[in-house]
Amino acid sequence: MTQTMIHDRGGAPAPMRHVGSPGLIFFILALGGFAIGTAEFAAMSLVPMISAGMHVTVPQAGHAIEAYAAGVCVGAPLIAMLGARYSRKYLLIGMMVLYVIGNGLTALAPNYLCLLLCRFISGLPHGAYFGTAGIVASALVPENRRTQAVARVVLGLTIATIGGVPMANGLGMLVGWRWAFVLIAGLALCTMLLIMRFVPTDPPRPNASAMTEIRALRNRQVWLTLGIGVVGFGGIFCVYTYLASILQEVTHAPAYMTPVLLAVFGVGMTVGTMTCAWAADHKMMPTIGGTLLVNAAALAGFPGSVHSVWSMMPIVFLIGCGGGLGTVIQSRLLSVAVDAQALAAAMNQSAFNMANAIGPWLGGMAISAGLGWESVGWVGSGLAMGGFVIWLLTLSDIRAAARRQAGG
């Protein structure tokens, strides 16, 4: 057994005993992200199967997605605040236990109402897991590599869009949708056991409290950074949600091209996550602004590409790359919310779930208004530019604070 010194931001270095190398710990935390990402994205593709199995309409089955998102929004800040003083290792274990239970019960749900309740329970640990895992990962590396450490955790989620979702969907088609959730519960169980064995055991923080976390959120930079995520990221979800429908209704592509395009998006998200993380460790704010502008341009190019699968591929890849913004936003939150890292990081997940609601809602309004399926690209580009405006306000606020400090 080895011992290492882990630098916890906002406090003195704390000795943490562990038997796993940082690389192994990153893998374990990413495995949890893979399980969560598979559950979140695969559920969308399982809606028709759930509809048939539960004898409800497709829109009613779709409420299972909303129940999960509601669980994320409720659980992320709640678990972060209530767990502020406890060991992060044991928080991670507890959240994986909750994920095993939630998804296991989903597989056994006897009726529609029980299914909604189980999906809500499953969503509770989602945001807090990524927040806590990101803090643990960033504490294992020097400060100039912390965004890349967070990215390695989030990489599990992005890889889930490439491999986990098709795997769960295929399992659902072969033996039934319930087995997809059994698979997810099994992945969460493996993660829990590996965390118990290999992840550092950090000491509890008796001086931390929910009120300490809440008071630290008075920082304007926290809210501006969250605003960038809510608005700027909405454009990506605006296109992703309607991508399959556009391929069918506008592009008239063969059915097998839908998973191909979704995988292209996932590859782009994976590349973007690692690239943006590397850039952010060198220049944080320019990376955020640049990512928003590139994403706005890619989204603006989407409407002109929808009549050919081959012209869509590079555009969808670039839109997926914009997903790297999530990791950078989380790393920035860890920097500006020194005394409320757990809550701020968890709220980042709530912010992106709000983006997941806002983007498709606005895109749906444009389609319903008769602007055509491809109009989601213009709506998404507008959201990305909205995020860029908030980024400009954030930059202005930083510079004003620096001038006040220099003058004072």
Protein backbone atom coordinates (compact mmCIF):
# COMPACT_ATOMS: atom_id res chain seq x y z
CA MET A 1 0.00 0.00 0.00
CA THR A 2 1.31 3.43 -0.92
CA GLN A 3 0.68 6.88 0.45
CA THR A 4 0.54 10.14 -1.45
CA MET A 5 -0.09 13.79 -0.70
CA ILE A 6 -3.23 15.08 -2.35
CA HIS A 7 -3.71 18.83 -2.61
CA ASP A 8 -7.35 19.65 -1.93
CA ARG A 9 -8.16 23.13 -3.19
CA GLY A 10 -9.10 25.53 -0.46
CA GLY A 11 -7.19 23.57 2.16
CA ALA A 12 -3.83 22.12 3.14
CA PRO A 13 -2.46 19.00 1.45
CA ALA A 14 -4.06 15.94 2.95
CA PRO A 15 -2.47 12.48 3.11
CA MET A 16 -4.64 9.91 1.34
CA ARG A 17 -3.86 6.22 1.44
CA HIS A 18 -4.49 4.22 -1.71
CA VAL A 19 -3.28 1.21 -3.65
CA GLY A 20 -4.13 2.39 -7.14
CA SER A 21 -2.03 4.52 -9.47
CA PRO A 22 -3.58 7.80 -10.67
CA GLY A 23 -4.15 6.20 -14.09
CA LEU A 24 -6.11 3.34 -12.56
CA ILE A 25 -8.15 5.76 -10.44
CA PHE A 26 -8.98 7.83 -13.52
CA PHE A 27 -10.14 4.64 -15.26
CA ILE A 28 -12.37 3.64 -12.32
CA LEU A 29 -13.97 7.08 -12.09
CA ALA A 30 -14.46 7.10 -15.87
CA LEU A 31 -16.13 3.66 -15.65
CA GLY A 32 -18.73 5.24 -13.36
CA GLY A 33 -19.14 8.00 -15.95
CA PHE A 34 -19.56 5.34 -18.64
CA ALA A 35 -22.36 3.69 -16.65
CA ILE A 36 -24.11 7.01 -16.08
CA GLY A 37 -23.67 8.13 -19.69
CA THR A 38 -25.03 4.84 -20.97
CA ALA A 39 -28.08 5.15 -18.72
CA GLU A 40 -28.73 8.77 -19.74
CA PHE A 41 -28.34 8.45 -23.51
CA ALA A 42 -29.48 4.85 -24.00
CA ALA A 43 -32.78 5.58 -22.29
CA MET A 44 -33.66 7.88 -25.21
CA SER A 45 -33.24 5.06 -27.73
CA LEU A 46 -35.17 2.62 -25.50
CA VAL A 47 -38.31 4.79 -25.36
CA PRO A 48 -40.17 2.85 -28.14
CA MET A 49 -39.40 -0.46 -26.39
CA ILE A 50 -40.51 0.91 -23.01
CA SER A 51 -43.69 2.21 -24.66
CA ALA A 52 -44.53 -1.24 -26.02
CA GLY A 53 -43.52 -3.06 -22.83
CA MET A 54 -45.43 -0.76 -20.48
CA HIS A 55 -48.43 -0.38 -22.84
CA VAL A 56 -48.20 3.42 -22.84
CA THR A 57 -47.80 5.94 -25.64
CA VAL A 58 -44.35 6.97 -26.85
CA PRO A 59 -44.73 10.50 -25.36
CA GLN A 60 -45.70 8.93 -22.01
CA ALA A 61 -42.67 6.64 -22.16
CA GLY A 62 -40.61 9.75 -22.92
CA HIS A 63 -41.56 11.10 -19.49
CA ALA A 64 -39.05 8.58 -18.10
CA ILE A 65 -36.32 10.80 -19.59
CA GLU A 66 -37.81 13.85 -17.90
CA ALA A 67 -38.07 11.99 -14.57
CA TYR A 68 -34.37 11.15 -14.77
CA ALA A 69 -33.46 14.76 -15.58
CA ALA A 70 -35.59 15.94 -12.64
CA GLY A 71 -33.64 13.56 -10.40
CA VAL A 72 -30.38 15.04 -11.65
CA CYS A 73 -31.50 18.62 -10.97
CA VAL A 74 -32.74 17.75 -7.46
CA GLY A 75 -29.98 15.35 -6.45
CA ALA A 76 -26.93 17.30 -7.66
CA PRO A 77 -27.13 20.24 -5.23
CA LEU A 78 -28.83 18.23 -2.47
CA ILE A 79 -26.18 15.48 -2.26
CA ALA A 80 -23.37 18.03 -2.65
CA MET A 81 -24.63 20.09 0.29
CA LEU A 82 -25.58 17.21 2.59
CA GLY A 83 -22.33 15.39 1.83
CA ALA A 84 -20.02 18.41 2.16
CA ARG A 85 -18.35 17.21 5.36
CA TYR A 86 -17.96 13.54 4.45
CA SER A 87 -15.12 11.65 2.79
CA ARG A 88 -15.42 11.97 -0.99
CA LYS A 89 -14.49 8.34 -1.45
CA TYR A 90 -17.46 7.19 0.62
CA LEU A 91 -19.71 9.70 -1.13
CA LEU A 92 -18.75 8.11 -4.45
CA ILE A 93 -19.46 4.64 -3.06
CA GLY A 94 -22.84 5.77 -1.73
CA MET A 95 -23.79 7.34 -5.04
CA MET A 96 -22.89 4.19 -6.96
CA VAL A 97 -24.98 2.14 -4.50
CA LEU A 98 -27.91 4.47 -5.24
CA TYR A 99 -27.28 4.07 -8.97
CA VAL A 100 -27.27 0.28 -8.68
CA ILE A 101 -30.55 0.40 -6.75
CA GLY A 102 -32.23 2.91 -9.09
CA ASN A 103 -31.36 1.05 -12.28
CA GLY A 104 -31.94 -2.37 -10.77
CA LEU A 105 -35.43 -1.31 -9.69
CA THR A 106 -36.04 0.19 -13.14
CA ALA A 107 -35.43 -3.25 -14.62
CA LEU A 108 -38.01 -4.70 -12.22
CA ALA A 109 -40.58 -1.87 -12.41
CA PRO A 110 -44.05 -3.51 -12.47
CA ASN A 111 -45.91 -0.51 -13.87
CA TYR A 112 -45.52 2.91 -15.45
CA LEU A 113 -45.66 4.98 -12.23
CA CYS A 114 -43.02 2.78 -10.58
CA LEU A 115 -40.86 3.21 -13.69
CA LEU A 116 -41.02 7.01 -13.38
CA LEU A 117 -40.13 6.85 -9.69
CA CYS A 118 -37.19 4.51 -10.37
CA ARG A 119 -35.87 6.78 -13.13
CA PHE A 120 -36.09 9.75 -10.74
CA ILE A 121 -34.10 7.80 -8.11
CA SER A 122 -31.52 6.83 -10.75
CA GLY A 123 -31.00 10.48 -11.68
CA LEU A 124 -30.32 11.65 -8.11
CA PRO A 125 -26.57 10.74 -7.98
CA HIS A 126 -25.78 11.70 -11.60
CA GLY A 127 -24.65 15.31 -11.13
CA ALA A 128 -23.09 14.88 -7.71
CA TYR A 129 -21.06 11.90 -8.98
CA PHE A 130 -19.39 13.87 -11.76
CA GLY A 131 -18.83 16.81 -9.41
CA THR A 132 -17.24 14.69 -6.68
CA ALA A 133 -15.28 12.47 -9.10
CA GLY A 134 -13.93 15.58 -10.83
CA ILE A 135 -12.66 16.97 -7.52
CA VAL A 136 -11.01 13.66 -6.62
CA ALA A 137 -9.38 13.40 -10.06
CA SER A 138 -8.14 17.01 -10.10
CA ALA A 139 -6.57 16.53 -6.66
CA LEU A 140 -4.31 13.78 -8.04
CA VAL A 141 -2.43 16.00 -10.50
CA PRO A 142 -0.59 19.35 -10.55
CA GLU A 143 -2.71 22.47 -10.99
CA ASN A 144 -1.73 22.92 -14.65
CA ARG A 145 -3.25 19.52 -15.52
CA ARG A 146 -6.48 19.66 -13.54
CA THR A 147 -8.81 20.25 -16.47
CA GLN A 148 -7.33 17.23 -18.24
CA ALA A 149 -7.89 15.18 -15.08
CA VAL A 150 -11.56 16.20 -15.01
CA ALA A 151 -11.76 15.39 -18.73
CA ARG A 152 -10.53 11.86 -18.12
CA VAL A 153 -13.50 11.30 -15.81
CA VAL A 154 -15.99 12.85 -18.25
CA LEU A 155 -14.41 10.74 -21.02
CA GLY A 156 -16.41 7.80 -19.67
CA LEU A 157 -19.62 9.64 -20.51
CA THR A 158 -18.48 10.62 -23.99
CA ILE A 159 -17.32 7.08 -24.80
CA ALA A 160 -20.75 5.88 -23.65
CA THR A 161 -22.26 7.78 -26.59
CA ILE A 162 -20.05 5.72 -28.93
CA GLY A 163 -20.10 2.25 -27.36
CA GLY A 164 -22.39 2.09 -24.35
CA VAL A 165 -25.56 3.34 -26.03
CA PRO A 166 -25.42 0.92 -29.01
CA MET A 167 -24.57 -1.92 -26.61
CA ALA A 168 -27.55 -1.18 -24.34
CA ASN A 169 -29.84 -0.61 -27.31
CA GLY A 170 -28.77 -3.87 -28.95
CA LEU A 171 -29.31 -5.74 -25.70
CA GLY A 172 -32.77 -4.20 -25.46
CA MET A 173 -33.67 -5.34 -28.97
CA LEU A 174 -32.33 -8.86 -28.38
CA VAL A 175 -33.69 -9.72 -24.93
CA GLY A 176 -35.83 -6.77 -23.82
CA TRP A 177 -35.33 -3.21 -22.57
CA ARG A 178 -35.20 -4.28 -18.91
CA TRP A 179 -31.89 -6.07 -19.50
CA ALA A 180 -30.31 -2.81 -20.66
CA PHE A 181 -30.87 -1.43 -17.17
CA VAL A 182 -29.52 -4.65 -15.63
CA LEU A 183 -26.35 -4.03 -17.66
CA ILE A 184 -26.15 -0.45 -16.36
CA ALA A 185 -26.68 -1.59 -12.76
CA GLY A 186 -23.88 -4.14 -13.26
CA LEU A 187 -21.49 -1.46 -14.52
CA ALA A 188 -22.34 0.71 -11.49
CA LEU A 189 -21.76 -2.25 -9.16
CA CYS A 190 -18.31 -2.89 -10.70
CA THR A 191 -17.47 0.79 -10.28
CA MET A 192 -18.52 0.72 -6.63
CA LEU A 193 -16.33 -2.30 -5.85
CA LEU A 194 -13.32 -0.79 -7.64
CA ILE A 195 -13.73 2.52 -5.80
CA MET A 196 -13.78 0.64 -2.49
CA ARG A 197 -10.55 -1.15 -3.38
CA PHE A 198 -8.44 1.43 -5.20
CA VAL A 199 -9.62 5.04 -4.79
CA PRO A 200 -7.88 7.18 -2.12
CA THR A 201 -9.55 7.37 1.28
CA ASP A 202 -9.60 11.05 2.09
CA PRO A 203 -10.40 12.39 5.57
CA PRO A 204 -13.81 13.89 6.29
CA ARG A 205 -14.13 17.70 6.49
CA PRO A 206 -15.92 18.42 9.80
CA ASN A 207 -15.73 22.18 9.28
CA ALA A 208 -17.61 21.99 5.99
CA SER A 209 -21.37 22.44 5.95
CA ALA A 210 -24.27 23.11 3.62
CA MET A 211 -24.30 26.77 4.69
CA THR A 212 -20.59 27.13 3.91
CA GLU A 213 -21.23 25.79 0.41
CA ILE A 214 -24.24 28.10 -0.12
CA ARG A 215 -22.39 31.20 1.13
CA ALA A 216 -19.56 30.56 -1.29
CA LEU A 217 -22.05 30.76 -4.17
CA ARG A 218 -22.35 34.51 -3.67
CA ASN A 219 -19.47 34.78 -6.11
CA ARG A 220 -20.75 36.35 -9.36
CA GLN A 221 -18.25 34.37 -11.39
CA VAL A 222 -19.90 31.11 -10.34
CA TRP A 223 -23.27 32.21 -11.72
CA LEU A 224 -21.85 33.70 -14.89
CA THR A 225 -19.92 30.48 -15.57
CA LEU A 226 -23.06 28.40 -14.99
CA GLY A 227 -24.93 30.76 -17.33
CA ILE A 228 -22.42 30.05 -20.10
CA GLY A 229 -23.16 26.34 -19.70
CA VAL A 230 -26.96 26.68 -19.58
CA VAL A 231 -27.21 28.89 -22.67
CA GLY A 232 -24.10 27.99 -24.68
CA PHE A 233 -24.52 24.22 -24.41
CA GLY A 234 -28.22 24.31 -25.32
CA GLY A 235 -27.38 24.56 -29.02
CA ILE A 236 -25.71 21.15 -29.06
CA PHE A 237 -28.75 19.44 -27.52
CA CYS A 238 -31.01 21.37 -29.89
CA VAL A 239 -29.48 19.54 -32.88
CA TYR A 240 -28.69 16.19 -31.17
CA THR A 241 -32.31 15.69 -30.09
CA TYR A 242 -33.68 16.05 -33.63
CA LEU A 243 -30.78 14.47 -35.52
CA ALA A 244 -32.49 11.09 -36.03
CA SER A 245 -35.72 12.75 -37.20
CA ILE A 246 -33.82 14.99 -39.63
CA LEU A 247 -32.02 11.99 -41.12
CA GLN A 248 -35.39 10.34 -41.69
CA GLU A 249 -37.56 13.30 -42.73
CA VAL A 250 -35.11 15.57 -44.60
CA THR A 251 -32.03 13.58 -45.59
CA HIS A 252 -34.04 10.38 -46.30
CA ALA A 253 -31.02 8.38 -45.20
CA PRO A 254 -31.13 4.58 -44.71
CA ALA A 255 -32.04 3.55 -41.15
CA TYR A 256 -28.54 2.19 -40.49
CA MET A 257 -27.04 5.66 -40.93
CA THR A 258 -28.71 6.98 -37.77
CA PRO A 259 -26.44 5.10 -35.32
CA VAL A 260 -23.49 5.96 -37.59
CA LEU A 261 -24.19 9.71 -37.32
CA LEU A 262 -24.81 9.41 -33.57
CA ALA A 263 -21.44 7.65 -33.26
CA VAL A 264 -19.78 10.44 -35.29
CA PHE A 265 -21.26 12.90 -32.78
CA GLY A 266 -19.87 10.79 -29.91
CA VAL A 267 -16.40 10.65 -31.48
CA GLY A 268 -16.49 14.44 -31.89
CA MET A 269 -17.52 14.85 -28.25
CA THR A 270 -14.65 12.61 -27.12
CA VAL A 271 -12.07 14.46 -29.24
CA GLY A 272 -13.47 17.82 -28.13
CA THR A 273 -13.37 16.86 -24.46
CA MET A 274 -9.67 15.99 -24.54
CA THR A 275 -8.65 18.84 -26.86
CA CYS A 276 -10.54 21.52 -24.93
CA ALA A 277 -9.19 20.19 -21.63
CA TRP A 278 -5.59 20.44 -22.87
CA ALA A 279 -6.18 23.96 -24.19
CA ALA A 280 -7.94 25.07 -21.00
CA ASP A 281 -5.00 23.99 -18.86
CA HIS A 282 -2.97 26.52 -20.84
CA LYS A 283 -5.56 29.30 -21.39
CA MET A 284 -8.90 28.76 -19.65
CA MET A 285 -11.01 31.77 -20.74
CA PRO A 286 -9.83 31.88 -24.39
CA THR A 287 -10.67 28.17 -24.66
CA ILE A 288 -14.24 28.76 -23.49
CA GLY A 289 -14.76 31.71 -25.86
CA GLY A 290 -13.15 29.94 -28.81
CA THR A 291 -15.17 26.76 -28.28
CA LEU A 292 -18.42 28.75 -28.26
CA LEU A 293 -17.53 30.55 -31.50
CA VAL A 294 -16.49 27.35 -33.31
CA ASN A 295 -19.67 25.64 -32.12
CA ALA A 296 -21.81 28.59 -33.26
CA ALA A 297 -20.22 28.38 -36.72
CA ALA A 298 -20.71 24.59 -36.94
CA LEU A 299 -24.36 24.89 -35.87
CA ALA A 300 -24.93 27.67 -38.41
CA GLY A 301 -23.51 25.36 -41.10
CA PHE A 302 -25.85 22.50 -40.12
CA PRO A 303 -28.95 23.63 -42.10
CA GLY A 304 -26.97 23.67 -45.36
CA SER A 305 -25.65 20.15 -44.79
CA VAL A 306 -28.85 18.23 -44.08
CA HIS A 307 -29.55 17.05 -47.63
CA SER A 308 -26.56 14.68 -47.70
CA VAL A 309 -25.24 12.27 -45.09
CA TRP A 310 -21.69 12.90 -46.26
CA SER A 311 -21.93 16.66 -45.87
CA MET A 312 -23.55 16.19 -42.45
CA MET A 313 -20.73 14.03 -41.06
CA PRO A 314 -18.04 16.73 -40.65
CA ILE A 315 -20.61 19.22 -39.33
CA VAL A 316 -22.01 16.73 -36.79
CA PHE A 317 -18.44 15.88 -35.75
CA LEU A 318 -17.68 19.58 -35.11
CA ILE A 319 -20.93 20.05 -33.20
CA GLY A 320 -19.96 17.05 -31.07
CA CYS A 321 -16.55 18.63 -30.44
CA GLY A 322 -18.39 21.50 -28.77
CA GLY A 323 -19.25 19.04 -26.02
CA GLY A 324 -15.74 19.66 -24.69
CA LEU A 325 -17.14 22.86 -23.21
CA GLY A 326 -18.64 20.85 -20.33
CA THR A 327 -15.29 19.81 -18.90
CA VAL A 328 -13.84 23.31 -19.18
CA ILE A 329 -16.86 24.86 -17.45
CA GLN A 330 -16.54 22.38 -14.58
CA SER A 331 -12.82 23.07 -14.18
CA ARG A 332 -13.49 26.82 -14.11
CA LEU A 333 -16.15 26.32 -11.44
CA LEU A 334 -13.63 24.41 -9.30
CA SER A 335 -11.30 27.43 -9.63
CA VAL A 336 -13.79 30.18 -8.78
CA ALA A 337 -15.80 28.36 -6.09
CA VAL A 338 -12.91 27.41 -3.81
CA ASP A 339 -15.09 26.96 -0.71
CA ALA A 340 -17.99 25.31 -2.54
CA GLN A 341 -16.33 22.99 -5.02
CA ALA A 342 -18.70 20.06 -4.51
CA LEU A 343 -21.85 22.17 -4.85
CA ALA A 344 -20.56 24.21 -7.79
CA ALA A 345 -19.39 21.13 -9.69
CA ALA A 346 -22.71 19.39 -9.04
CA MET A 347 -24.63 22.47 -10.17
CA ASN A 348 -22.70 22.28 -13.43
CA GLN A 349 -24.52 19.02 -14.16
CA SER A 350 -27.84 20.65 -13.29
CA ALA A 351 -26.95 23.51 -15.65
CA PHE A 352 -26.29 21.11 -18.52
CA ASN A 353 -29.55 19.28 -17.86
CA MET A 354 -31.29 22.66 -18.07
CA ALA A 355 -29.51 23.15 -21.40
CA ASN A 356 -30.79 19.71 -22.39
CA ALA A 357 -34.32 20.99 -21.76
CA ILE A 358 -33.97 24.50 -23.22
CA GLY A 359 -32.28 23.51 -26.50
CA PRO A 360 -34.82 20.90 -27.66
CA TRP A 361 -37.72 23.09 -26.45
CA LEU A 362 -36.62 26.08 -28.53
CA GLY A 363 -35.80 23.83 -31.48
CA GLY A 364 -39.23 22.25 -31.23
CA MET A 365 -40.84 25.70 -31.23
CA ALA A 366 -39.00 26.58 -34.45
CA ILE A 367 -40.12 23.36 -36.11
CA SER A 368 -43.72 23.83 -34.94
CA ALA A 369 -43.66 27.38 -36.31
CA GLY A 370 -43.09 25.93 -39.78
CA LEU A 371 -39.43 26.93 -40.11
CA GLY A 372 -38.41 23.38 -41.06
CA TRP A 373 -36.38 20.66 -39.36
CA GLU A 374 -33.11 22.28 -40.37
CA SER A 375 -34.00 25.44 -38.41
CA VAL A 376 -32.67 23.75 -35.25
CA GLY A 377 -29.20 24.59 -36.53
CA TRP A 378 -29.95 28.32 -36.54
CA VAL A 379 -31.58 28.10 -33.11
CA GLY A 380 -28.56 26.21 -31.79
CA SER A 381 -26.16 28.76 -33.27
CA GLY A 382 -28.12 31.54 -31.58
CA LEU A 383 -27.82 29.76 -28.23
CA ALA A 384 -24.06 29.31 -28.69
CA MET A 385 -23.74 33.03 -29.43
CA GLY A 386 -25.86 33.75 -26.35
CA GLY A 387 -23.31 31.79 -24.33
CA PHE A 388 -20.56 33.83 -25.97
CA VAL A 389 -22.27 37.07 -24.83
CA ILE A 390 -22.30 35.75 -21.25
CA TRP A 391 -18.61 34.85 -21.72
CA LEU A 392 -17.92 38.47 -22.70
CA LEU A 393 -19.71 39.65 -19.53
CA THR A 394 -17.63 37.18 -17.50
CA LEU A 395 -14.41 38.48 -19.05
CA SER A 396 -15.46 42.08 -18.40
CA ASP A 397 -16.20 41.21 -14.78
CA ILE A 398 -12.76 39.60 -14.36
CA ARG A 399 -10.99 42.63 -15.81
CA ALA A 400 -13.01 45.05 -13.67
CA ALA A 401 -12.12 43.06 -10.53
CA ALA A 402 -8.44 43.10 -11.55
CA ARG A 403 -8.53 46.90 -12.00
CA ARG A 404 -10.17 47.37 -8.60
CA GLN A 405 -7.55 45.17 -6.98
CA ALA A 406 -4.72 47.05 -8.70
CA GLY A 407 -6.18 50.41 -7.68
CA GLY A 408 -6.89 49.35 -4.12
